[in-house]
Amino acid sequence: MHSQSNDHGVAGTVGLTGSIAGAVGLDGKPRAGQARPTTGSIVAKVRRLDSGLPSFMVVGGKLNQGKKAIIGENGGFLGASCDPFRIVYDPVQGMRIPALELGQGLTTERLEDRKKLNSAISDASRKLDSKAFSQTWGEHMGQAFALLLRPEARSLFDLSLEPESIRDQYGRTRFGQSCLLARRLVEKGIPFVQVNWSDHVEAEEDAGDGGWDHHYRNFQIMIDRHGPWLDHSLSALLDDLKKRGLLDSTLVVAVGEFGRTPKINEKAGRDHWEHCYSALVAGGGIKPGLVIGTSDARAERPSSRPCTPGDLAATIHQAIGITSEQSQTLGIAVDGEPVAELF
């Protein structure tokens, strides 16, 4: 694969949306155009759940570069109703769902009263303002109340219900346990689940497993931490989905915003490199065991079948059944073509 920028913010937007439109880098200057919805939000738009559960969930904190939020992790022009429902796992505190945490002294009975009040406010708002905001606000409140008031919904996020052996298989890292939660969500029928490895690209600023910005100590970090952690957790996820009969219907994608320089710097690290990197795609009915494209001898540039984040987004659309007609109607056509060899 290859991307359009070596700025985390810009490349992050491209990776999330398949387009550079609206991206903002460290220079603070927005790129031309309106930011596109993230892929999960597009799925949420076309794959609504009758259960009241969110169609798009993110496990992990919001993506940042140098304390600046990366554009493109929400619904964009599709509206706030397509924004992700966020869950945060902490190895010490366990699972946290900020939007669902009951305030001090707030019981489910009081919550029912609050729900009635919110319903009345929603009715009044609809009478006063027929714009989409009222409906969007109501949908978000409905999802939050559905998860708060139904024990079976809240138990969905309780990893203590999993056997210790399964939790060990995924690894006791934040990413590992987040992948386990992702499997539980998929098993429940959530159409799109995104697991963020870390909140920040920089390892020093992240409270979890640390980012992948290995400008120094690349080999030490990869050997001792990131390499085995990723291999452990991702392999466990694929194996578990396969055993449960879910892999053929679940597309799993592992990808970053760009690659790292083939040339090692003076700090035994690797710097930003958007010209050549890889993505892993598995399950979801695609052909297994394929390698699409090759790099040159130095791994500096693709030498055959180059692909872009837009191509990957188009591939995801095709795999989950988003038609070109739906894309055109919603204005969500991506800047790429599906990787036909995978189907």
C-alpha atoms as a PDB file:
ATOM      1  CA  MET A   1       0.000   0.000   0.000  1.00  0.00           C
ATOM      2  CA  HIS A   2       0.935   3.666  -0.221  1.00  0.00           C
ATOM      3  CA  SER A   3      -0.662   6.844   1.161  1.00  0.00           C
ATOM      4  CA  GLN A   4      -0.602  10.587   0.517  1.00  0.00           C
ATOM      5  CA  SER A   5       1.167  12.015   3.559  1.00  0.00           C
ATOM      6  CA  ASN A   6       3.685  11.188   6.277  1.00  0.00           C
ATOM      7  CA  ASP A   7       1.878  13.402   8.800  1.00  0.00           C
ATOM      8  CA  HIS A   8       0.025  11.260  11.351  1.00  0.00           C
ATOM      9  CA  GLY A   9      -2.986  13.561  11.361  1.00  0.00           C
ATOM     10  CA  VAL A  10      -3.380  13.723   7.592  1.00  0.00           C
ATOM     11  CA  ALA A  11      -2.554  10.063   6.950  1.00  0.00           C
ATOM     12  CA  GLY A  12      -4.817   9.080   9.840  1.00  0.00           C
ATOM     13  CA  THR A  13      -7.755  10.801   8.182  1.00  0.00           C
ATOM     14  CA  VAL A  14      -6.922   9.117   4.871  1.00  0.00           C
ATOM     15  CA  GLY A  15      -6.776   5.743   6.607  1.00  0.00           C
ATOM     16  CA  LEU A  16     -10.059   6.241   8.450  1.00  0.00           C
ATOM     17  CA  THR A  17     -12.086   7.689   5.589  1.00  0.00           C
ATOM     18  CA  GLY A  18     -10.264   6.738   2.392  1.00  0.00           C
ATOM     19  CA  SER A  19      -9.897  10.423   1.504  1.00  0.00           C
ATOM     20  CA  ILE A  20      -7.567  13.327   2.347  1.00  0.00           C
ATOM     21  CA  ALA A  21     -10.492  15.798   2.329  1.00  0.00           C
ATOM     22  CA  GLY A  22     -10.735  17.823   5.539  1.00  0.00           C
ATOM     23  CA  ALA A  23      -7.586  16.333   7.077  1.00  0.00           C
ATOM     24  CA  VAL A  24      -5.603  18.490   9.504  1.00  0.00           C
ATOM     25  CA  GLY A  25      -1.912  17.915  10.195  1.00  0.00           C
ATOM     26  CA  LEU A  26       0.475  19.260  12.800  1.00  0.00           C
ATOM     27  CA  ASP A  27       0.623  22.510  10.854  1.00  0.00           C
ATOM     28  CA  GLY A  28      -3.032  23.106  11.779  1.00  0.00           C
ATOM     29  CA  LYS A  29      -4.047  23.735   8.174  1.00  0.00           C
ATOM     30  CA  PRO A  30      -7.109  21.799   6.968  1.00  0.00           C
ATOM     31  CA  ARG A  31      -6.883  20.132   3.584  1.00  0.00           C
ATOM     32  CA  ALA A  32      -9.451  21.108   0.965  1.00  0.00           C
ATOM     33  CA  GLY A  33     -12.939  19.649   1.139  1.00  0.00           C
ATOM     34  CA  GLN A  34     -15.260  18.333   3.811  1.00  0.00           C
ATOM     35  CA  ALA A  35     -14.051  15.412   5.903  1.00  0.00           C
ATOM     36  CA  ARG A  36     -15.708  12.156   4.895  1.00  0.00           C
ATOM     37  CA  PRO A  37     -17.438   9.867   7.375  1.00  0.00           C
ATOM     38  CA  THR A  38     -15.290   7.097   8.778  1.00  0.00           C
ATOM     39  CA  THR A  39     -15.943   3.619   7.373  1.00  0.00           C
ATOM     40  CA  GLY A  40     -17.680   2.437  10.544  1.00  0.00           C
ATOM     41  CA  SER A  41     -20.121   5.342  10.363  1.00  0.00           C
ATOM     42  CA  ILE A  42     -21.014   4.418   6.793  1.00  0.00           C
ATOM     43  CA  VAL A  43     -21.767   0.885   7.935  1.00  0.00           C
ATOM     44  CA  ALA A  44     -23.847   2.282  10.799  1.00  0.00           C
ATOM     45  CA  LYS A  45     -25.875   4.289   8.297  1.00  0.00           C
ATOM     46  CA  VAL A  46     -26.759   1.312   6.096  1.00  0.00           C
ATOM     47  CA  ARG A  47     -26.878  -1.421   8.770  1.00  0.00           C
ATOM     48  CA  ARG A  48     -29.131  -0.201  11.583  1.00  0.00           C
ATOM     49  CA  LEU A  49     -29.920  -2.635  14.408  1.00  0.00           C
ATOM     50  CA  ASP A  50     -33.492  -3.223  15.564  1.00  0.00           C
ATOM     51  CA  SER A  51     -32.211  -4.115  19.044  1.00  0.00           C
ATOM     52  CA  GLY A  52     -31.392  -0.487  19.854  1.00  0.00           C
ATOM     53  CA  LEU A  53     -27.708  -1.315  20.247  1.00  0.00           C
ATOM     54  CA  PRO A  54     -25.238   0.898  18.382  1.00  0.00           C
ATOM     55  CA  SER A  55     -24.229  -0.345  14.933  1.00  0.00           C
ATOM     56  CA  PHE A  56     -20.718   1.086  15.253  1.00  0.00           C
ATOM     57  CA  MET A  57     -18.563   0.668  18.341  1.00  0.00           C
ATOM     58  CA  VAL A  58     -14.969   1.722  18.947  1.00  0.00           C
ATOM     59  CA  VAL A  59     -12.917  -0.027  21.616  1.00  0.00           C
ATOM     60  CA  GLY A  60     -10.232   2.404  22.740  1.00  0.00           C
ATOM     61  CA  GLY A  61      -9.789   6.112  23.258  1.00  0.00           C
ATOM     62  CA  LYS A  62      -9.976   8.787  20.576  1.00  0.00           C
ATOM     63  CA  LEU A  63      -7.034   8.885  18.195  1.00  0.00           C
ATOM     64  CA  ASN A  64      -4.629  11.775  18.727  1.00  0.00           C
ATOM     65  CA  GLN A  65      -1.378  13.185  17.412  1.00  0.00           C
ATOM     66  CA  GLY A  66       0.471  15.384  19.855  1.00  0.00           C
ATOM     67  CA  LYS A  67      -2.731  15.969  21.887  1.00  0.00           C
ATOM     68  CA  LYS A  68      -4.605  16.957  18.726  1.00  0.00           C
ATOM     69  CA  ALA A  69      -7.574  14.815  17.700  1.00  0.00           C
ATOM     70  CA  ILE A  70      -7.243  13.125  14.309  1.00  0.00           C
ATOM     71  CA  ILE A  71     -10.075  14.127  11.990  1.00  0.00           C
ATOM     72  CA  GLY A  72     -12.254  11.402  10.512  1.00  0.00           C
ATOM     73  CA  GLU A  73     -13.230   9.112  13.385  1.00  0.00           C
ATOM     74  CA  ASN A  74     -16.919  10.003  13.355  1.00  0.00           C
ATOM     75  CA  GLY A  75     -20.023  10.294  11.186  1.00  0.00           C
ATOM     76  CA  GLY A  76     -19.138  13.581   9.473  1.00  0.00           C
ATOM     77  CA  PHE A  77     -21.938  14.781   7.223  1.00  0.00           C
ATOM     78  CA  LEU A  78     -23.961  11.620   7.951  1.00  0.00           C
ATOM     79  CA  GLY A  79     -24.731  13.117  11.347  1.00  0.00           C
ATOM     80  CA  ALA A  80     -23.981  12.404  14.988  1.00  0.00           C
ATOM     81  CA  SER A  81     -26.299   9.385  14.973  1.00  0.00           C
ATOM     82  CA  CYS A  82     -23.575   7.597  12.978  1.00  0.00           C
ATOM     83  CA  ASP A  83     -20.797   8.491  15.409  1.00  0.00           C
ATOM     84  CA  PRO A  84     -19.175   5.529  17.178  1.00  0.00           C
ATOM     85  CA  PHE A  85     -20.230   4.363  20.612  1.00  0.00           C
ATOM     86  CA  ARG A  86     -16.953   4.254  22.540  1.00  0.00           C
ATOM     87  CA  ILE A  87     -15.738   1.715  25.087  1.00  0.00           C
ATOM     88  CA  VAL A  88     -12.399   2.003  26.892  1.00  0.00           C
ATOM     89  CA  TYR A  89     -10.501  -0.917  28.420  1.00  0.00           C
ATOM     90  CA  ASP A  90      -7.884  -0.299  31.077  1.00  0.00           C
ATOM     91  CA  PRO A  91      -5.752  -3.226  32.351  1.00  0.00           C
ATOM     92  CA  VAL A  92      -6.112  -1.922  35.929  1.00  0.00           C
ATOM     93  CA  GLN A  93      -9.647  -0.513  36.039  1.00  0.00           C
ATOM     94  CA  GLY A  94     -11.163  -2.910  33.530  1.00  0.00           C
ATOM     95  CA  MET A  95     -13.874  -1.923  31.072  1.00  0.00           C
ATOM     96  CA  ARG A  96     -15.170   1.629  31.119  1.00  0.00           C
ATOM     97  CA  ILE A  97     -18.111   2.950  29.142  1.00  0.00           C
ATOM     98  CA  PRO A  98     -18.054   6.700  29.800  1.00  0.00           C
ATOM     99  CA  ALA A  99     -21.438   7.337  28.217  1.00  0.00           C
ATOM    100  CA  LEU A 100     -23.073   4.678  30.416  1.00  0.00           C
ATOM    101  CA  GLU A 101     -21.555   5.367  33.796  1.00  0.00           C
ATOM    102  CA  LEU A 102     -24.284   6.116  36.338  1.00  0.00           C
ATOM    103  CA  GLY A 103     -23.667   9.254  38.333  1.00  0.00           C
ATOM    104  CA  GLN A 104     -23.457   9.084  42.110  1.00  0.00           C
ATOM    105  CA  GLY A 105     -26.888   8.309  43.562  1.00  0.00           C
ATOM    106  CA  LEU A 106     -28.419   7.587  40.152  1.00  0.00           C
ATOM    107  CA  THR A 107     -30.357   4.298  40.188  1.00  0.00           C
ATOM    108  CA  THR A 108     -32.133   2.561  37.333  1.00  0.00           C
ATOM    109  CA  GLU A 109     -35.454   3.737  38.823  1.00  0.00           C
ATOM    110  CA  ARG A 110     -34.313   7.359  38.734  1.00  0.00           C
ATOM    111  CA  LEU A 111     -32.952   6.735  35.291  1.00  0.00           C
ATOM    112  CA  GLU A 112     -36.420   5.665  34.141  1.00  0.00           C
ATOM    113  CA  ASP A 113     -37.745   9.024  35.396  1.00  0.00           C
ATOM    114  CA  ARG A 114     -34.960  10.780  33.527  1.00  0.00           C
ATOM    115  CA  LYS A 115     -35.837   8.809  30.418  1.00  0.00           C
ATOM    116  CA  LYS A 116     -39.441  10.026  30.655  1.00  0.00           C
ATOM    117  CA  LEU A 117     -38.171  13.578  31.053  1.00  0.00           C
ATOM    118  CA  ASN A 118     -35.902  13.216  28.072  1.00  0.00           C
ATOM    119  CA  SER A 119     -38.826  11.826  26.045  1.00  0.00           C
ATOM    120  CA  ALA A 120     -40.877  14.877  26.926  1.00  0.00           C
ATOM    121  CA  ILE A 121     -38.008  17.182  25.976  1.00  0.00           C
ATOM    122  CA  SER A 122     -37.596  15.307  22.701  1.00  0.00           C
ATOM    123  CA  ASP A 123     -41.317  15.655  21.908  1.00  0.00           C
ATOM    124  CA  ALA A 124     -41.210  19.375  22.621  1.00  0.00           C
ATOM    125  CA  SER A 125     -38.054  19.768  20.595  1.00  0.00           C
ATOM    126  CA  ARG A 126     -39.600  18.008  17.605  1.00  0.00           C
ATOM    127  CA  LYS A 127     -42.572  20.349  17.753  1.00  0.00           C
ATOM    128  CA  LEU A 128     -40.307  23.382  17.860  1.00  0.00           C
ATOM    129  CA  ASP A 129     -37.659  22.224  15.449  1.00  0.00           C
ATOM    130  CA  SER A 130     -38.172  19.639  12.745  1.00  0.00           C
ATOM    131  CA  LYS A 131     -34.498  19.540  11.783  1.00  0.00           C
ATOM    132  CA  ALA A 132     -32.446  16.348  12.006  1.00  0.00           C
ATOM    133  CA  PHE A 133     -30.818  17.430  15.274  1.00  0.00           C
ATOM    134  CA  SER A 134     -33.819  16.381  17.366  1.00  0.00           C
ATOM    135  CA  GLN A 135     -33.932  12.929  15.811  1.00  0.00           C
ATOM    136  CA  THR A 136     -30.177  12.488  16.161  1.00  0.00           C
ATOM    137  CA  TRP A 137     -30.227  13.488  19.818  1.00  0.00           C
ATOM    138  CA  GLY A 138     -33.128  11.117  20.446  1.00  0.00           C
ATOM    139  CA  GLU A 139     -31.335   8.191  18.797  1.00  0.00           C
ATOM    140  CA  HIS A 140     -28.237   8.699  20.908  1.00  0.00           C
ATOM    141  CA  MET A 141     -30.253   8.931  24.114  1.00  0.00           C
ATOM    142  CA  GLY A 142     -32.204   5.828  23.128  1.00  0.00           C
ATOM    143  CA  GLN A 143     -29.019   3.820  22.613  1.00  0.00           C
ATOM    144  CA  ALA A 144     -27.580   4.971  25.926  1.00  0.00           C
ATOM    145  CA  PHE A 145     -30.751   4.141  27.844  1.00  0.00           C
ATOM    146  CA  ALA A 146     -31.056   0.747  26.129  1.00  0.00           C
ATOM    147  CA  LEU A 147     -27.564  -0.185  27.303  1.00  0.00           C
ATOM    148  CA  LEU A 148     -27.983   1.242  30.798  1.00  0.00           C
ATOM    149  CA  LEU A 149     -31.338  -0.313  31.612  1.00  0.00           C
ATOM    150  CA  ARG A 150     -30.902  -3.799  30.180  1.00  0.00           C
ATOM    151  CA  PRO A 151     -28.635  -6.074  32.259  1.00  0.00           C
ATOM    152  CA  GLU A 152     -28.054  -8.370  29.288  1.00  0.00           C
ATOM    153  CA  ALA A 153     -26.757  -5.411  27.301  1.00  0.00           C
ATOM    154  CA  ARG A 154     -24.413  -4.270  30.073  1.00  0.00           C
ATOM    155  CA  SER A 155     -23.144  -7.831  30.548  1.00  0.00           C
ATOM    156  CA  LEU A 156     -22.011  -7.720  26.921  1.00  0.00           C
ATOM    157  CA  PHE A 157     -19.044  -5.620  28.070  1.00  0.00           C
ATOM    158  CA  ASP A 158     -18.176  -7.771  31.103  1.00  0.00           C
ATOM    159  CA  LEU A 159     -15.022  -9.712  30.262  1.00  0.00           C
ATOM    160  CA  SER A 160     -15.117 -11.497  33.629  1.00  0.00           C
ATOM    161  CA  LEU A 161     -17.796 -13.706  32.077  1.00  0.00           C
ATOM    162  CA  GLU A 162     -15.142 -15.154  29.774  1.00  0.00           C
ATOM    163  CA  PRO A 163     -13.088 -18.186  30.932  1.00  0.00           C
ATOM    164  CA  GLU A 164      -9.648 -17.245  32.207  1.00  0.00           C
ATOM    165  CA  SER A 165      -8.110 -19.492  29.550  1.00  0.00           C
ATOM    166  CA  ILE A 166      -9.766 -17.464  26.783  1.00  0.00           C
ATOM    167  CA  ARG A 167      -8.617 -14.191  28.302  1.00  0.00           C
ATOM    168  CA  ASP A 168      -5.080 -15.575  28.470  1.00  0.00           C
ATOM    169  CA  GLN A 169      -5.247 -16.640  24.817  1.00  0.00           C
ATOM    170  CA  TYR A 170      -5.895 -13.040  23.775  1.00  0.00           C
ATOM    171  CA  GLY A 171      -3.158 -11.688  26.045  1.00  0.00           C
ATOM    172  CA  ARG A 172      -3.570  -9.491  29.095  1.00  0.00           C
ATOM    173  CA  THR A 173      -2.577  -6.329  27.247  1.00  0.00           C
ATOM    174  CA  ARG A 174      -5.056  -3.569  26.550  1.00  0.00           C
ATOM    175  CA  PHE A 175      -5.134  -4.484  22.872  1.00  0.00           C
ATOM    176  CA  GLY A 176      -5.573  -8.179  23.625  1.00  0.00           C
ATOM    177  CA  GLN A 177      -8.541  -7.700  25.929  1.00  0.00           C
ATOM    178  CA  SER A 178     -10.000  -5.146  23.510  1.00  0.00           C
ATOM    179  CA  CYS A 179      -9.864  -7.771  20.760  1.00  0.00           C
ATOM    180  CA  LEU A 180     -11.703 -10.179  23.050  1.00  0.00           C
ATOM    181  CA  LEU A 181     -14.398  -7.574  23.617  1.00  0.00           C
ATOM    182  CA  ALA A 182     -14.568  -7.058  19.857  1.00  0.00           C
ATOM    183  CA  ARG A 183     -15.292 -10.766  19.433  1.00  0.00           C
ATOM    184  CA  ARG A 184     -18.116 -10.538  21.997  1.00  0.00           C
ATOM    185  CA  LEU A 185     -19.592  -7.574  20.126  1.00  0.00           C
ATOM    186  CA  VAL A 186     -19.382  -9.359  16.785  1.00  0.00           C
ATOM    187  CA  GLU A 187     -21.008 -12.404  18.354  1.00  0.00           C
ATOM    188  CA  LYS A 188     -23.863 -10.126  19.494  1.00  0.00           C
ATOM    189  CA  GLY A 189     -24.330  -8.904  15.917  1.00  0.00           C
ATOM    190  CA  ILE A 190     -22.710  -5.446  16.073  1.00  0.00           C
ATOM    191  CA  PRO A 191     -22.023  -4.696  12.369  1.00  0.00           C
ATOM    192  CA  PHE A 192     -18.784  -2.702  12.774  1.00  0.00           C
ATOM    193  CA  VAL A 193     -16.247  -2.807  15.593  1.00  0.00           C
ATOM    194  CA  GLN A 194     -13.027  -0.774  15.521  1.00  0.00           C
ATOM    195  CA  VAL A 195     -10.225  -1.535  17.975  1.00  0.00           C
ATOM    196  CA  ASN A 196      -7.682   1.242  18.493  1.00  0.00           C
ATOM    197  CA  TRP A 197      -4.269  -0.034  19.595  1.00  0.00           C
ATOM    198  CA  SER A 198      -3.449   3.199  21.384  1.00  0.00           C
ATOM    199  CA  ASP A 199      -4.770   6.699  21.936  1.00  0.00           C
ATOM    200  CA  HIS A 200      -1.648   8.444  20.693  1.00  0.00           C
ATOM    201  CA  VAL A 201       0.943   7.659  18.057  1.00  0.00           C
ATOM    202  CA  GLU A 202       3.743   8.471  20.495  1.00  0.00           C
ATOM    203  CA  ALA A 203       4.574   5.675  22.951  1.00  0.00           C
ATOM    204  CA  GLU A 204       5.458   8.097  25.743  1.00  0.00           C
ATOM    205  CA  GLU A 205       2.046   9.795  25.717  1.00  0.00           C
ATOM    206  CA  ASP A 206      -0.086   6.678  25.770  1.00  0.00           C
ATOM    207  CA  ALA A 207      -1.430   5.127  28.960  1.00  0.00           C
ATOM    208  CA  GLY A 208      -1.998   1.738  27.347  1.00  0.00           C
ATOM    209  CA  ASP A 209       0.212  -0.376  25.118  1.00  0.00           C
ATOM    210  CA  GLY A 210       2.095   2.537  23.541  1.00  0.00           C
ATOM    211  CA  GLY A 211       1.962   3.891  20.017  1.00  0.00           C
ATOM    212  CA  TRP A 212       3.865   2.668  16.966  1.00  0.00           C
ATOM    213  CA  ASP A 213       5.941   5.819  16.408  1.00  0.00           C
ATOM    214  CA  HIS A 214       9.294   4.081  16.809  1.00  0.00           C
ATOM    215  CA  HIS A 215      11.686   6.909  15.981  1.00  0.00           C
ATOM    216  CA  TYR A 216      14.094   5.289  18.398  1.00  0.00           C
ATOM    217  CA  ARG A 217      14.544   1.819  19.981  1.00  0.00           C
ATOM    218  CA  ASN A 218      12.533   0.311  17.111  1.00  0.00           C
ATOM    219  CA  PHE A 219      13.998  -3.177  17.395  1.00  0.00           C
ATOM    220  CA  GLN A 220      13.826  -3.342  21.174  1.00  0.00           C
ATOM    221  CA  ILE A 221      10.172  -2.260  21.219  1.00  0.00           C
ATOM    222  CA  MET A 222       9.185  -4.545  18.349  1.00  0.00           C
ATOM    223  CA  ILE A 223      10.901  -7.607  19.828  1.00  0.00           C
ATOM    224  CA  ASP A 224       9.872  -7.073  23.456  1.00  0.00           C
ATOM    225  CA  ARG A 225       6.428  -5.547  23.056  1.00  0.00           C
ATOM    226  CA  HIS A 226       4.600  -4.661  19.883  1.00  0.00           C
ATOM    227  CA  GLY A 227       5.548  -7.614  17.694  1.00  0.00           C
ATOM    228  CA  PRO A 228       4.573 -10.434  20.071  1.00  0.00           C
ATOM    229  CA  TRP A 229       1.582  -8.519  21.473  1.00  0.00           C
ATOM    230  CA  LEU A 230       0.071  -7.958  18.039  1.00  0.00           C
ATOM    231  CA  ASP A 231       0.799 -11.500  16.895  1.00  0.00           C
ATOM    232  CA  HIS A 232      -0.621 -12.977  20.108  1.00  0.00           C
ATOM    233  CA  SER A 233      -3.880 -11.006  20.123  1.00  0.00           C
ATOM    234  CA  LEU A 234      -4.654 -10.895  16.407  1.00  0.00           C
ATOM    235  CA  SER A 235      -3.975 -14.620  16.010  1.00  0.00           C
ATOM    236  CA  ALA A 236      -6.233 -15.379  18.983  1.00  0.00           C
ATOM    237  CA  LEU A 237      -9.014 -13.278  17.478  1.00  0.00           C
ATOM    238  CA  LEU A 238      -8.832 -15.038  14.123  1.00  0.00           C
ATOM    239  CA  ASP A 239      -8.666 -18.479  15.731  1.00  0.00           C
ATOM    240  CA  ASP A 240     -11.572 -17.719  18.068  1.00  0.00           C
ATOM    241  CA  LEU A 241     -13.767 -16.369  15.267  1.00  0.00           C
ATOM    242  CA  LYS A 242     -12.968 -19.470  13.212  1.00  0.00           C
ATOM    243  CA  LYS A 243     -13.849 -21.869  16.051  1.00  0.00           C
ATOM    244  CA  ARG A 244     -17.160 -20.096  16.623  1.00  0.00           C
ATOM    245  CA  GLY A 245     -18.108 -20.152  12.946  1.00  0.00           C
ATOM    246  CA  LEU A 246     -17.905 -16.365  12.670  1.00  0.00           C
ATOM    247  CA  LEU A 247     -14.808 -15.793  10.543  1.00  0.00           C
ATOM    248  CA  ASP A 248     -16.447 -16.396   7.168  1.00  0.00           C
ATOM    249  CA  SER A 249     -18.997 -13.674   7.925  1.00  0.00           C
ATOM    250  CA  THR A 250     -16.596 -11.271   9.682  1.00  0.00           C
ATOM    251  CA  LEU A 251     -14.048  -9.189   7.792  1.00  0.00           C
ATOM    252  CA  VAL A 252     -10.962  -8.503   9.927  1.00  0.00           C
ATOM    253  CA  VAL A 253      -8.648  -5.672   8.862  1.00  0.00           C
ATOM    254  CA  ALA A 254      -5.371  -4.719  10.572  1.00  0.00           C
ATOM    255  CA  VAL A 255      -3.760  -1.540   9.244  1.00  0.00           C
ATOM    256  CA  GLY A 256      -1.984   1.643  10.281  1.00  0.00           C
ATOM    257  CA  GLU A 257      -1.876   5.090   8.705  1.00  0.00           C
ATOM    258  CA  PHE A 258       1.471   4.576   6.929  1.00  0.00           C
ATOM    259  CA  GLY A 259       4.706   2.618   7.109  1.00  0.00           C
ATOM    260  CA  ARG A 260       8.195   3.260   8.436  1.00  0.00           C
ATOM    261  CA  THR A 261      11.418   4.093   6.628  1.00  0.00           C
ATOM    262  CA  PRO A 262      13.426   1.168   5.297  1.00  0.00           C
ATOM    263  CA  LYS A 263      16.540   3.065   6.384  1.00  0.00           C
ATOM    264  CA  ILE A 264      17.351   2.922  10.104  1.00  0.00           C
ATOM    265  CA  ASN A 265      18.091   6.302  11.702  1.00  0.00           C
ATOM    266  CA  GLU A 266      20.887   7.184  14.099  1.00  0.00           C
ATOM    267  CA  LYS A 267      18.703   6.349  17.138  1.00  0.00           C
ATOM    268  CA  ALA A 268      18.093   2.768  15.985  1.00  0.00           C
ATOM    269  CA  GLY A 269      14.612   3.854  14.975  1.00  0.00           C
ATOM    270  CA  ARG A 270      12.501   4.135  11.860  1.00  0.00           C
ATOM    271  CA  ASP A 271      10.789   7.329  10.740  1.00  0.00           C
ATOM    272  CA  HIS A 272       7.569   8.052   8.830  1.00  0.00           C
ATOM    273  CA  TRP A 273       7.201   6.493   5.382  1.00  0.00           C
ATOM    274  CA  GLU A 274       3.975   6.766   3.430  1.00  0.00           C
ATOM    275  CA  HIS A 275       5.313   5.279   0.201  1.00  0.00           C
ATOM    276  CA  CYS A 276       5.157   1.571   1.078  1.00  0.00           C
ATOM    277  CA  TYR A 277       3.431  -0.413   3.833  1.00  0.00           C
ATOM    278  CA  SER A 278       1.028  -3.322   4.339  1.00  0.00           C
ATOM    279  CA  ALA A 279      -2.476  -4.187   5.504  1.00  0.00           C
ATOM    280  CA  LEU A 280      -3.760  -7.553   6.648  1.00  0.00           C
ATOM    281  CA  VAL A 281      -7.257  -8.619   5.595  1.00  0.00           C
ATOM    282  CA  ALA A 282      -8.880 -11.901   6.670  1.00  0.00           C
ATOM    283  CA  GLY A 283     -12.275 -13.590   6.815  1.00  0.00           C
ATOM    284  CA  GLY A 284     -15.450 -12.050   5.454  1.00  0.00           C
ATOM    285  CA  GLY A 285     -15.614 -14.411   2.500  1.00  0.00           C
ATOM    286  CA  ILE A 286     -12.403 -13.181   0.865  1.00  0.00           C
ATOM    287  CA  LYS A 287      -9.833 -15.563  -0.615  1.00  0.00           C
ATOM    288  CA  PRO A 288      -7.252 -16.578   2.005  1.00  0.00           C
ATOM    289  CA  GLY A 289      -3.507 -16.986   1.581  1.00  0.00           C
ATOM    290  CA  LEU A 290      -2.968 -14.241  -0.986  1.00  0.00           C
ATOM    291  CA  VAL A 291      -0.242 -11.621  -1.178  1.00  0.00           C
ATOM    292  CA  ILE A 292      -1.424  -8.650  -3.230  1.00  0.00           C
ATOM    293  CA  GLY A 293       1.396  -6.537  -4.625  1.00  0.00           C
ATOM    294  CA  THR A 294       5.151  -6.444  -4.118  1.00  0.00           C
ATOM    295  CA  SER A 295       7.709  -3.852  -3.099  1.00  0.00           C
ATOM    296  CA  ASP A 296      11.033  -3.046  -4.668  1.00  0.00           C
ATOM    297  CA  ALA A 297      14.276  -4.551  -3.367  1.00  0.00           C
ATOM    298  CA  ARG A 298      14.636  -1.909  -0.631  1.00  0.00           C
ATOM    299  CA  ALA A 299      10.953  -1.890   0.372  1.00  0.00           C
ATOM    300  CA  GLU A 300      10.854   1.798  -0.548  1.00  0.00           C
ATOM    301  CA  ARG A 301       8.090   1.763  -3.163  1.00  0.00           C
ATOM    302  CA  PRO A 302       5.499  -0.684  -4.501  1.00  0.00           C
ATOM    303  CA  SER A 303       6.815  -2.413  -7.607  1.00  0.00           C
ATOM    304  CA  SER A 304       3.536  -4.108  -8.572  1.00  0.00           C
ATOM    305  CA  ARG A 305      -0.189  -3.767  -7.808  1.00  0.00           C
ATOM    306  CA  PRO A 306      -0.006  -0.680  -5.570  1.00  0.00           C
ATOM    307  CA  CYS A 307      -3.088  -0.096  -3.405  1.00  0.00           C
ATOM    308  CA  THR A 308      -4.312   2.951  -1.503  1.00  0.00           C
ATOM    309  CA  PRO A 309      -6.394   3.442   1.652  1.00  0.00           C
ATOM    310  CA  GLY A 310      -9.239   4.359  -0.698  1.00  0.00           C
ATOM    311  CA  ASP A 311      -8.915   0.959  -2.358  1.00  0.00           C
ATOM    312  CA  LEU A 312      -9.016  -0.706   1.040  1.00  0.00           C
ATOM    313  CA  ALA A 313     -12.144   1.267   2.004  1.00  0.00           C
ATOM    314  CA  ALA A 314     -13.818   0.289  -1.281  1.00  0.00           C
ATOM    315  CA  THR A 315     -12.874  -3.337  -0.593  1.00  0.00           C
ATOM    316  CA  ILE A 316     -14.513  -3.174   2.834  1.00  0.00           C
ATOM    317  CA  HIS A 317     -17.639  -1.650   1.271  1.00  0.00           C
ATOM    318  CA  GLN A 318     -17.885  -4.486  -1.213  1.00  0.00           C
ATOM    319  CA  ALA A 319     -17.226  -7.174   1.393  1.00  0.00           C
ATOM    320  CA  ILE A 320     -20.063  -5.984   3.634  1.00  0.00           C
ATOM    321  CA  GLY A 321     -22.465  -5.410   0.754  1.00  0.00           C
ATOM    322  CA  ILE A 322     -22.599  -1.634   0.381  1.00  0.00           C
ATOM    323  CA  THR A 323     -23.703  -1.138  -3.207  1.00  0.00           C
ATOM    324  CA  SER A 324     -22.549   1.591  -5.575  1.00  0.00           C
ATOM    325  CA  GLU A 325     -26.144   2.874  -5.614  1.00  0.00           C
ATOM    326  CA  GLN A 326     -26.118   3.279  -1.838  1.00  0.00           C
ATOM    327  CA  SER A 327     -22.762   5.029  -2.037  1.00  0.00           C
ATOM    328  CA  GLN A 328     -24.010   7.496  -4.609  1.00  0.00           C
ATOM    329  CA  THR A 329     -27.293   8.132  -2.774  1.00  0.00           C
ATOM    330  CA  LEU A 330     -25.547   8.842   0.522  1.00  0.00           C
ATOM    331  CA  GLY A 331     -22.654  10.699  -1.080  1.00  0.00           C
ATOM    332  CA  ILE A 332     -20.136   8.281   0.440  1.00  0.00           C
ATOM    333  CA  ALA A 333     -18.322   7.031  -2.654  1.00  0.00           C
ATOM    334  CA  VAL A 334     -14.636   6.528  -1.767  1.00  0.00           C
ATOM    335  CA  ASP A 335     -11.562   7.488  -3.779  1.00  0.00           C
ATOM    336  CA  GLY A 336     -10.630   3.953  -4.738  1.00  0.00           C
ATOM    337  CA  GLU A 337     -11.584   0.631  -6.270  1.00  0.00           C
ATOM    338  CA  PRO A 338     -12.129  -2.747  -4.550  1.00  0.00           C
ATOM    339  CA  VAL A 339      -9.152  -5.104  -4.644  1.00  0.00           C
ATOM    340  CA  ALA A 340     -10.793  -7.580  -7.027  1.00  0.00           C
ATOM    341  CA  GLU A 341      -8.244 -10.341  -6.434  1.00  0.00           C
ATOM    342  CA  LEU A 342      -9.610 -10.828  -2.920  1.00  0.00           C
ATOM    343  CA  PHE A 343     -13.072 -11.881  -4.101  1.00  0.00           C
END
